[in-house]
């Protein structure tokens, strides 16, 4: 089974998260697509790149199911497998609390990217897994 992770391609914090997800995805289950890209536009996901509090979108390829906000993070841990599955216990936290925490991070993601080294240059391995 595969997943496509749609992310804010204009956000250095989000791009750094994609690089981390790629590094942890040892089985190669994930593909990545910017929310500003053609695939996101075709799926109607471009609205989720809103600078005031956007969200990543995770789509499971097997059935086309779409996950947003904290549900996307939980499904991402499932997609990564291995030790990452331990974080699926967070599903027992009420969604409104998980989504509130997600929204706070999403709202402040541009501030976070000013705090660290979030180089947005892609490496060749990343290029192979990006879907425009």
C-alpha atoms as a PDB file:
ATOM      1  CA  UNK A   1       0.000   0.000   0.000  1.00  0.00           C
ATOM      2  CA  UNK A   2       1.218   3.532  -0.732  1.00  0.00           C
ATOM      3  CA  UNK A   3       0.420   7.021   0.421  1.00  0.00           C
ATOM      4  CA  UNK A   4       0.840  10.485  -1.087  1.00  0.00           C
ATOM      5  CA  UNK A   5       1.727  13.250   1.357  1.00  0.00           C
ATOM      6  CA  UNK A   6       0.653  16.687   0.136  1.00  0.00           C
ATOM      7  CA  UNK A   7       2.582  19.473   1.845  1.00  0.00           C
ATOM      8  CA  UNK A   8       3.021  23.241   1.620  1.00  0.00           C
ATOM      9  CA  UNK A   9       5.853  23.497  -0.901  1.00  0.00           C
ATOM     10  CA  UNK A  10       6.397  27.169  -0.025  1.00  0.00           C
ATOM     11  CA  UNK A  11       7.084  26.384   3.632  1.00  0.00           C
ATOM     12  CA  UNK A  12      10.641  25.537   4.709  1.00  0.00           C
ATOM     13  CA  UNK A  13       9.343  23.914   7.918  1.00  0.00           C
ATOM     14  CA  UNK A  14       7.057  21.650   5.879  1.00  0.00           C
ATOM     15  CA  UNK A  15       9.805  20.783   3.386  1.00  0.00           C
ATOM     16  CA  UNK A  16      12.092  19.814   6.269  1.00  0.00           C
ATOM     17  CA  UNK A  17       9.307  17.577   7.595  1.00  0.00           C
ATOM     18  CA  UNK A  18       9.047  15.904   4.195  1.00  0.00           C
ATOM     19  CA  UNK A  19      12.780  15.236   4.182  1.00  0.00           C
ATOM     20  CA  UNK A  20      12.489  13.671   7.648  1.00  0.00           C
ATOM     21  CA  UNK A  21       9.516  11.534   6.596  1.00  0.00           C
ATOM     22  CA  UNK A  22      11.468  10.382   3.553  1.00  0.00           C
ATOM     23  CA  UNK A  23      14.451   9.450   5.698  1.00  0.00           C
ATOM     24  CA  UNK A  24      12.239   7.447   8.097  1.00  0.00           C
ATOM     25  CA  UNK A  25      10.255   5.772   5.297  1.00  0.00           C
ATOM     26  CA  UNK A  26      12.617   2.827   4.863  1.00  0.00           C
ATOM     27  CA  UNK A  27      10.060   0.802   2.878  1.00  0.00           C
ATOM     28  CA  UNK A  28       9.459   3.580   0.336  1.00  0.00           C
ATOM     29  CA  UNK A  29       5.677   3.656   0.891  1.00  0.00           C
ATOM     30  CA  UNK A  30       5.405   7.438   0.664  1.00  0.00           C
ATOM     31  CA  UNK A  31       5.335   9.782  -2.287  1.00  0.00           C
ATOM     32  CA  UNK A  32       5.226  13.533  -1.873  1.00  0.00           C
ATOM     33  CA  UNK A  33       3.465  16.328  -3.703  1.00  0.00           C
ATOM     34  CA  UNK A  34       3.377  20.074  -3.027  1.00  0.00           C
ATOM     35  CA  UNK A  35      -0.061  21.532  -2.373  1.00  0.00           C
ATOM     36  CA  UNK A  36       0.803  24.114  -5.031  1.00  0.00           C
ATOM     37  CA  UNK A  37       1.377  21.386  -7.656  1.00  0.00           C
ATOM     38  CA  UNK A  38      -0.691  19.944 -10.485  1.00  0.00           C
ATOM     39  CA  UNK A  39      -1.715  16.765  -8.668  1.00  0.00           C
ATOM     40  CA  UNK A  40      -2.977  18.721  -5.652  1.00  0.00           C
ATOM     41  CA  UNK A  41      -4.938  21.003  -7.981  1.00  0.00           C
ATOM     42  CA  UNK A  42      -6.446  18.000  -9.759  1.00  0.00           C
ATOM     43  CA  UNK A  43      -7.501  16.507  -6.401  1.00  0.00           C
ATOM     44  CA  UNK A  44      -8.833  19.855  -5.094  1.00  0.00           C
ATOM     45  CA  UNK A  45      -6.285  20.095  -2.261  1.00  0.00           C
ATOM     46  CA  UNK A  46      -4.728  23.495  -3.045  1.00  0.00           C
ATOM     47  CA  UNK A  47      -6.952  25.193  -0.455  1.00  0.00           C
ATOM     48  CA  UNK A  48      -5.033  23.429   2.318  1.00  0.00           C
ATOM     49  CA  UNK A  49      -1.850  25.459   1.687  1.00  0.00           C
ATOM     50  CA  UNK A  50      -3.383  28.534   3.341  1.00  0.00           C
ATOM     51  CA  UNK A  51      -0.571  30.545   4.963  1.00  0.00           C
ATOM     52  CA  UNK A  52      -2.705  31.397   7.982  1.00  0.00           C
ATOM     53  CA  UNK A  53      -2.985  27.789   9.114  1.00  0.00           C
ATOM     54  CA  UNK A  54      -2.640  25.310   6.308  1.00  0.00           C
ATOM     55  CA  UNK A  55      -2.531  21.580   6.713  1.00  0.00           C
ATOM     56  CA  UNK A  56      -0.853  18.621   5.173  1.00  0.00           C
ATOM     57  CA  UNK A  57      -3.055  16.136   3.395  1.00  0.00           C
ATOM     58  CA  UNK A  58      -2.311  12.421   3.315  1.00  0.00           C
ATOM     59  CA  UNK A  59      -4.039  10.277   0.727  1.00  0.00           C
ATOM     60  CA  UNK A  60      -4.010   6.494   0.914  1.00  0.00           C
ATOM     61  CA  UNK A  61      -3.628   5.232  -2.652  1.00  0.00           C
ATOM     62  CA  UNK A  62      -5.338   1.867  -2.110  1.00  0.00           C
ATOM     63  CA  UNK A  63      -8.762   3.388  -1.517  1.00  0.00           C
ATOM     64  CA  UNK A  64      -8.283   7.134  -2.068  1.00  0.00           C
ATOM     65  CA  UNK A  65      -9.116   7.926   1.571  1.00  0.00           C
ATOM     66  CA  UNK A  66      -7.948  11.396   2.596  1.00  0.00           C
ATOM     67  CA  UNK A  67      -6.615  12.321   6.044  1.00  0.00           C
ATOM     68  CA  UNK A  68      -6.295  15.898   7.307  1.00  0.00           C
ATOM     69  CA  UNK A  69      -4.582  17.614  10.239  1.00  0.00           C
ATOM     70  CA  UNK A  70      -3.881  15.333  13.219  1.00  0.00           C
ATOM     71  CA  UNK A  71      -5.523  12.374  11.470  1.00  0.00           C
ATOM     72  CA  UNK A  72      -2.940  12.797   8.698  1.00  0.00           C
ATOM     73  CA  UNK A  73      -0.129  12.718  11.260  1.00  0.00           C
ATOM     74  CA  UNK A  74      -1.525   9.527  12.803  1.00  0.00           C
ATOM     75  CA  UNK A  75      -1.910   7.875   9.410  1.00  0.00           C
ATOM     76  CA  UNK A  76       1.629   8.980   8.554  1.00  0.00           C
ATOM     77  CA  UNK A  77       2.941   7.092  11.602  1.00  0.00           C
ATOM     78  CA  UNK A  78       1.046   4.067  10.335  1.00  0.00           C
ATOM     79  CA  UNK A  79       2.543   4.485   6.872  1.00  0.00           C
ATOM     80  CA  UNK A  80       6.053   4.749   8.285  1.00  0.00           C
ATOM     81  CA  UNK A  81       5.518   1.565  10.272  1.00  0.00           C
ATOM     82  CA  UNK A  82       8.029   0.124  12.696  1.00  0.00           C
ATOM     83  CA  UNK A  83       8.629   2.039  15.894  1.00  0.00           C
ATOM     84  CA  UNK A  84       6.555   4.961  14.563  1.00  0.00           C
ATOM     85  CA  UNK A  85       3.377   2.950  15.110  1.00  0.00           C
ATOM     86  CA  UNK A  86       3.691   3.600  18.843  1.00  0.00           C
ATOM     87  CA  UNK A  87       2.382   7.113  18.189  1.00  0.00           C
ATOM     88  CA  UNK A  88      -0.934   5.743  16.932  1.00  0.00           C
ATOM     89  CA  UNK A  89      -2.017   5.587  20.582  1.00  0.00           C
ATOM     90  CA  UNK A  90      -2.602   9.338  20.198  1.00  0.00           C
ATOM     91  CA  UNK A  91      -5.845   8.420  18.412  1.00  0.00           C
ATOM     92  CA  UNK A  92      -7.312   8.035  21.900  1.00  0.00           C
ATOM     93  CA  UNK A  93      -6.804  11.763  22.486  1.00  0.00           C
ATOM     94  CA  UNK A  94      -9.985  13.552  21.387  1.00  0.00           C
ATOM     95  CA  UNK A  95      -9.674  14.871  17.845  1.00  0.00           C
ATOM     96  CA  UNK A  96     -10.542  18.444  18.848  1.00  0.00           C
ATOM     97  CA  UNK A  97      -7.497  18.507  21.158  1.00  0.00           C
ATOM     98  CA  UNK A  98      -5.192  16.877  18.585  1.00  0.00           C
ATOM     99  CA  UNK A  99      -6.417  19.249  15.877  1.00  0.00           C
ATOM    100  CA  UNK A 100      -5.988  22.270  18.156  1.00  0.00           C
ATOM    101  CA  UNK A 101      -2.342  21.337  18.720  1.00  0.00           C
ATOM    102  CA  UNK A 102      -1.908  20.703  14.989  1.00  0.00           C
ATOM    103  CA  UNK A 103      -3.500  24.048  14.142  1.00  0.00           C
ATOM    104  CA  UNK A 104      -1.171  25.883  16.545  1.00  0.00           C
ATOM    105  CA  UNK A 105       1.908  24.353  14.900  1.00  0.00           C
ATOM    106  CA  UNK A 106       0.500  24.957  11.399  1.00  0.00           C
ATOM    107  CA  UNK A 107      -0.265  28.586  12.203  1.00  0.00           C
ATOM    108  CA  UNK A 108       3.274  29.147  13.498  1.00  0.00           C
ATOM    109  CA  UNK A 109       5.140  27.037  10.907  1.00  0.00           C
ATOM    110  CA  UNK A 110       6.723  30.061   9.196  1.00  0.00           C
ATOM    111  CA  UNK A 111       7.982  31.293  12.559  1.00  0.00           C
ATOM    112  CA  UNK A 112       9.471  27.864  13.319  1.00  0.00           C
ATOM    113  CA  UNK A 113      11.303  27.814   9.996  1.00  0.00           C
ATOM    114  CA  UNK A 114      13.097  31.039  10.946  1.00  0.00           C
ATOM    115  CA  UNK A 115      14.511  29.272  13.998  1.00  0.00           C
ATOM    116  CA  UNK A 116      16.532  26.536  12.332  1.00  0.00           C
ATOM    117  CA  UNK A 117      18.317  25.249   9.307  1.00  0.00           C
ATOM    118  CA  UNK A 118      15.516  24.280   6.954  1.00  0.00           C
ATOM    119  CA  UNK A 119      17.297  24.279   3.627  1.00  0.00           C
ATOM    120  CA  UNK A 120      14.717  23.662   0.923  1.00  0.00           C
ATOM    121  CA  UNK A 121      17.158  22.216  -1.608  1.00  0.00           C
ATOM    122  CA  UNK A 122      16.059  18.785  -2.776  1.00  0.00           C
ATOM    123  CA  UNK A 123      18.425  15.875  -2.995  1.00  0.00           C
ATOM    124  CA  UNK A 124      18.328  13.413  -5.937  1.00  0.00           C
ATOM    125  CA  UNK A 125      16.571  10.722  -3.868  1.00  0.00           C
ATOM    126  CA  UNK A 126      13.852  13.197  -2.903  1.00  0.00           C
ATOM    127  CA  UNK A 127      13.399  14.228  -6.538  1.00  0.00           C
ATOM    128  CA  UNK A 128      12.469  10.643  -7.465  1.00  0.00           C
ATOM    129  CA  UNK A 129       9.599  10.604  -4.961  1.00  0.00           C
ATOM    130  CA  UNK A 130       8.117  14.052  -5.625  1.00  0.00           C
ATOM    131  CA  UNK A 131       4.992  14.176  -7.761  1.00  0.00           C
ATOM    132  CA  UNK A 132       4.293  17.622  -9.183  1.00  0.00           C
END
